Amino acid sequence: MPPTPSPRVLIVEDDPTINQALTDRFVAEGFEVTRAHDGPSAVTAFAEHSPEVVVLDLMLPGFDGLEVCRRIQAVRPVPVLMLTARDDESDIIVGLGVGADDYLTKPFRMREVVARVRALLRRVERAAELGRSDDGPVQHDGLLLDERTRRCTVSGHAVHLTPTEFDLITLLAREPGVVLRREHIVADLWGWDDGLGRGSLDSHIKSLRTKVGAHRIRTVHGVGYALDDGSGQ
């Protein structure tokens, strides 16, 4: 039986120390690593090496991580973990809007970076499996989610969702009106059960609300989220 190929990751980080630390950790975890230190070289490396996942710093020389994300997503959809030194909600929402799937603020723990990258890769594998299934689309109150094509429409209009956003709204839409606990959602989407990812979940919810309508997703403070079933409760 042939060996499983190493997953390919592109690391884009202008700080040499952080770039090397990330490279060393991913190599130790069995990844094949390509590195870049600025916007233009990141786009070139993406085209030349076809990574399966990208770890992308927001602030870069040449042009920033948002522009890198726009350009590479225009070539081929790929999961992107964005790194930012700014914990500004507007920056995070913009990053998610241009195609980033997840984000981490600096300083971060190396094990969390690797865990999030592995979660993104698992999501791609799971999406491929769902794409081969015979399950019909999920529909609720003008929202239609086709898991085979990974397409979302709201009241007949196509809405672009990142892979994480698509999985999140689908999870809620399978049980409209049912409040899903935040830890349950985090465990389902990222596979974590130790509290990681709750800040990311909240940002993804905010991004989703801007795309599918704020009224569709209900917050139950201290508990979790639900797709509004229209009952007004």
Protein backbone atom coordinates (compact mmCIF):
# COMPACT_ATOMS: atom_id res chain seq x y z
CA MET A 1 0.00 0.00 0.00
CA PRO A 2 1.56 3.35 -1.06
CA PRO A 3 2.34 5.83 1.74
CA THR A 4 -0.08 8.69 2.33
CA PRO A 5 1.33 11.87 0.76
CA SER A 6 2.27 14.69 3.10
CA PRO A 7 -0.24 17.55 3.13
CA ARG A 8 1.13 20.67 1.43
CA VAL A 9 0.99 23.96 3.31
CA LEU A 10 2.04 27.44 2.18
CA ILE A 11 3.23 29.66 5.04
CA VAL A 12 3.13 33.41 4.31
CA GLU A 13 4.69 35.46 7.10
CA ASP A 14 7.09 38.41 6.81
CA ASP A 15 8.61 38.03 10.28
CA PRO A 16 11.59 35.68 9.75
CA THR A 17 11.46 34.28 13.29
CA ILE A 18 7.75 33.45 13.16
CA ASN A 19 8.07 32.12 9.61
CA GLN A 20 10.86 29.75 10.63
CA ALA A 21 9.07 28.64 13.80
CA LEU A 22 5.92 27.82 11.82
CA THR A 23 7.97 26.00 9.19
CA ASP A 24 9.81 23.92 11.78
CA ARG A 25 6.57 22.96 13.53
CA PHE A 26 4.73 21.96 10.36
CA VAL A 27 7.71 19.96 9.08
CA ALA A 28 7.83 18.16 12.43
CA GLU A 29 4.09 17.44 12.05
CA GLY A 30 4.68 15.77 8.68
CA PHE A 31 3.70 18.59 6.31
CA GLU A 32 5.41 19.58 3.09
CA VAL A 33 6.10 23.29 3.55
CA THR A 34 6.51 26.13 1.06
CA ARG A 35 7.33 29.59 2.41
CA ALA A 36 6.80 33.18 1.30
CA HIS A 37 7.57 36.49 3.00
CA ASP A 38 5.52 39.05 1.07
CA GLY A 39 2.35 39.39 -0.99
CA PRO A 40 3.75 38.96 -4.52
CA SER A 41 5.92 35.95 -3.62
CA ALA A 42 2.94 34.34 -1.87
CA VAL A 43 0.83 34.49 -5.04
CA THR A 44 3.74 33.10 -7.08
CA ALA A 45 4.38 30.28 -4.58
CA PHE A 46 0.70 29.38 -4.61
CA ALA A 47 0.71 29.05 -8.39
CA GLU A 48 3.92 27.02 -8.46
CA HIS A 49 3.35 24.62 -5.55
CA SER A 50 -0.45 24.14 -5.39
CA PRO A 51 -0.73 23.97 -1.59
CA GLU A 52 -3.72 22.27 0.00
CA VAL A 53 -3.93 24.89 2.76
CA VAL A 54 -2.48 28.38 3.35
CA VAL A 55 -1.36 30.01 6.61
CA LEU A 56 -1.46 33.71 5.78
CA ASP A 57 -0.33 36.76 7.74
CA LEU A 58 -2.57 39.80 7.35
CA MET A 59 0.15 42.48 7.31
CA LEU A 60 2.64 41.85 4.51
CA PRO A 61 5.04 43.88 2.34
CA GLY A 62 4.12 44.33 -1.33
CA PHE A 63 0.40 43.90 -0.76
CA ASP A 64 -1.43 42.64 2.29
CA GLY A 65 -2.90 39.27 3.18
CA LEU A 66 -6.41 40.35 2.15
CA GLU A 67 -5.20 40.94 -1.41
CA VAL A 68 -3.25 37.67 -1.38
CA CYS A 69 -6.41 35.88 -0.29
CA ARG A 70 -8.48 37.51 -3.04
CA ARG A 71 -5.96 36.57 -5.72
CA ILE A 72 -5.41 32.96 -4.73
CA GLN A 73 -9.12 32.29 -4.19
CA ALA A 74 -9.77 33.64 -7.69
CA VAL A 75 -7.41 30.97 -9.04
CA ARG A 76 -8.60 28.00 -6.97
CA PRO A 77 -10.62 27.65 -3.76
CA VAL A 78 -8.29 26.72 -0.93
CA PRO A 79 -8.69 26.78 2.87
CA VAL A 80 -6.91 29.77 4.43
CA LEU A 81 -5.99 30.37 8.06
CA MET A 82 -5.32 34.07 8.50
CA LEU A 83 -2.92 35.38 11.15
CA THR A 84 -3.35 38.90 12.47
CA ALA A 85 -1.73 41.04 15.14
CA ARG A 86 -4.93 43.10 15.32
CA ASP A 87 -7.91 41.77 17.20
CA ASP A 88 -10.15 44.25 15.40
CA GLU A 89 -13.52 42.74 14.59
CA SER A 90 -13.87 44.68 11.32
CA ASP A 91 -10.51 43.35 10.06
CA ILE A 92 -11.53 39.82 10.93
CA ILE A 93 -14.92 40.12 9.19
CA VAL A 94 -13.24 41.54 6.07
CA GLY A 95 -10.76 38.63 6.10
CA LEU A 96 -13.56 36.10 6.31
CA GLY A 97 -15.38 37.97 3.56
CA VAL A 98 -12.53 37.67 1.02
CA GLY A 99 -12.19 33.92 1.50
CA ALA A 100 -10.30 33.21 4.71
CA ASP A 101 -11.82 30.24 6.55
CA ASP A 102 -10.45 30.91 10.01
CA TYR A 103 -8.18 33.31 11.85
CA LEU A 104 -5.82 33.51 14.82
CA THR A 105 -4.58 36.62 16.59
CA LYS A 106 -0.95 36.97 17.63
CA PRO A 107 0.59 35.79 19.86
CA PHE A 108 -0.65 32.27 19.20
CA ARG A 109 0.28 28.77 20.27
CA MET A 110 1.92 26.61 17.62
CA ARG A 111 -0.22 23.62 18.54
CA GLU A 112 -3.36 25.67 17.92
CA VAL A 113 -2.13 26.75 14.47
CA VAL A 114 -1.53 23.12 13.54
CA ALA A 115 -4.86 22.02 15.04
CA ARG A 116 -6.77 24.61 13.04
CA VAL A 117 -4.97 23.70 9.81
CA ARG A 118 -5.76 20.03 10.34
CA ALA A 119 -9.40 20.95 11.00
CA LEU A 120 -9.54 22.88 7.72
CA LEU A 121 -8.13 19.90 5.84
CA ARG A 122 -10.64 17.56 7.48
CA ARG A 123 -13.43 19.90 6.40
CA VAL A 124 -12.26 19.67 2.78
CA GLU A 125 -12.25 15.87 3.01
CA ARG A 126 -15.70 15.82 4.59
CA ALA A 127 -17.04 18.18 1.92
CA ALA A 128 -15.74 15.83 -0.79
CA GLU A 129 -17.52 12.91 0.87
CA LEU A 130 -20.77 14.87 1.15
CA GLY A 131 -20.41 15.86 -2.48
CA ARG A 132 -20.67 12.20 -3.43
CA SER A 133 -23.74 11.60 -1.26
CA ASP A 134 -27.33 11.41 -2.43
CA ASP A 135 -28.68 13.68 0.30
CA GLY A 136 -30.93 16.42 -0.98
CA PRO A 137 -30.47 20.13 -0.23
CA VAL A 138 -31.33 21.59 3.16
CA GLN A 139 -34.13 24.16 2.90
CA HIS A 140 -35.65 26.52 5.46
CA ASP A 141 -37.53 29.80 5.14
CA GLY A 142 -36.00 30.89 1.82
CA LEU A 143 -32.57 29.47 2.67
CA LEU A 144 -31.33 26.66 0.43
CA LEU A 145 -28.07 24.80 1.08
CA ASP A 146 -26.89 22.21 -1.44
CA GLU A 147 -24.20 20.11 0.22
CA ARG A 148 -23.24 18.39 -3.02
CA THR A 149 -22.36 21.62 -4.81
CA ARG A 150 -21.55 23.64 -1.66
CA ARG A 151 -23.86 26.40 -2.87
CA CYS A 152 -26.08 28.66 -0.82
CA THR A 153 -29.04 30.71 -2.02
CA VAL A 154 -31.17 33.12 0.02
CA SER A 155 -34.58 33.93 -1.42
CA GLY A 156 -33.33 32.73 -4.80
CA HIS A 157 -30.13 34.80 -4.77
CA ALA A 158 -26.71 33.10 -4.70
CA VAL A 159 -24.64 33.94 -1.63
CA HIS A 160 -20.90 33.24 -1.42
CA LEU A 161 -19.94 31.47 1.80
CA THR A 162 -16.54 30.29 2.92
CA PRO A 163 -16.29 26.54 3.61
CA THR A 164 -16.49 27.18 7.35
CA GLU A 165 -19.52 29.43 6.99
CA PHE A 166 -21.26 26.87 4.79
CA ASP A 167 -20.70 24.07 7.31
CA LEU A 168 -21.82 26.31 10.18
CA ILE A 169 -25.10 27.42 8.61
CA THR A 170 -25.79 23.85 7.43
CA LEU A 171 -25.28 22.56 10.96
CA LEU A 172 -27.84 25.06 12.27
CA ALA A 173 -30.24 24.52 9.37
CA ARG A 174 -30.48 20.78 9.94
CA GLU A 175 -32.30 21.51 13.21
CA PRO A 176 -34.11 24.85 12.83
CA GLY A 177 -35.20 26.33 16.13
CA VAL A 178 -32.97 24.01 18.15
CA VAL A 179 -30.31 25.82 20.19
CA LEU A 180 -26.91 24.26 19.61
CA ARG A 181 -24.43 24.83 22.40
CA ARG A 182 -21.29 26.69 21.42
CA GLU A 183 -19.06 23.83 22.54
CA HIS A 184 -21.07 21.41 20.40
CA ILE A 185 -20.67 23.63 17.33
CA VAL A 186 -16.94 24.08 17.94
CA ALA A 187 -16.46 20.33 18.38
CA ASP A 188 -18.40 19.59 15.19
CA LEU A 189 -16.66 22.21 13.02
CA TRP A 190 -13.13 22.08 14.37
CA GLY A 191 -12.99 18.84 16.33
CA TRP A 192 -11.91 20.57 19.56
CA ASP A 193 -13.27 19.88 23.02
CA ASP A 194 -10.93 22.06 25.11
CA GLY A 195 -12.44 25.51 24.58
CA LEU A 196 -10.40 26.47 21.52
CA GLY A 197 -12.20 28.24 18.72
CA ARG A 198 -15.00 30.01 20.57
CA GLY A 199 -13.81 33.46 19.51
CA SER A 200 -13.60 32.27 15.90
CA LEU A 201 -17.12 30.88 16.13
CA ASP A 202 -18.52 34.24 17.22
CA SER A 203 -16.77 36.01 14.32
CA HIS A 204 -18.05 33.45 11.82
CA ILE A 205 -21.58 33.96 13.14
CA LYS A 206 -21.27 37.72 12.65
CA SER A 207 -19.97 37.24 9.12
CA LEU A 208 -22.79 34.82 8.34
CA ARG A 209 -25.40 37.26 9.58
CA THR A 210 -24.21 39.89 7.12
CA LYS A 211 -24.60 37.38 4.28
CA VAL A 212 -27.79 35.44 5.03
CA GLY A 213 -29.61 38.01 7.18
CA ALA A 214 -29.11 38.81 10.84
CA HIS A 215 -32.67 37.75 11.67
CA ARG A 216 -31.99 34.16 10.62
CA ILE A 217 -29.51 33.35 13.40
CA ARG A 218 -30.61 33.69 16.99
CA THR A 219 -28.18 34.05 19.90
CA VAL A 220 -29.07 32.43 23.21
CA HIS A 221 -26.66 34.19 25.56
CA GLY A 222 -24.54 31.86 27.63
CA VAL A 223 -25.70 28.85 25.61
CA GLY A 224 -25.26 29.00 21.85
CA TYR A 225 -26.99 29.68 18.54
CA ALA A 226 -30.03 28.55 16.59
CA LEU A 227 -31.43 29.03 13.13
CA ASP A 228 -34.61 31.05 13.72
CA ASP A 229 -37.64 28.85 13.11
CA GLY A 230 -39.91 31.84 12.64
CA SER A 231 -41.80 31.27 15.88
CA GLY A 232 -40.55 34.50 17.40
CA GLN A 233 -39.57 32.68 20.60
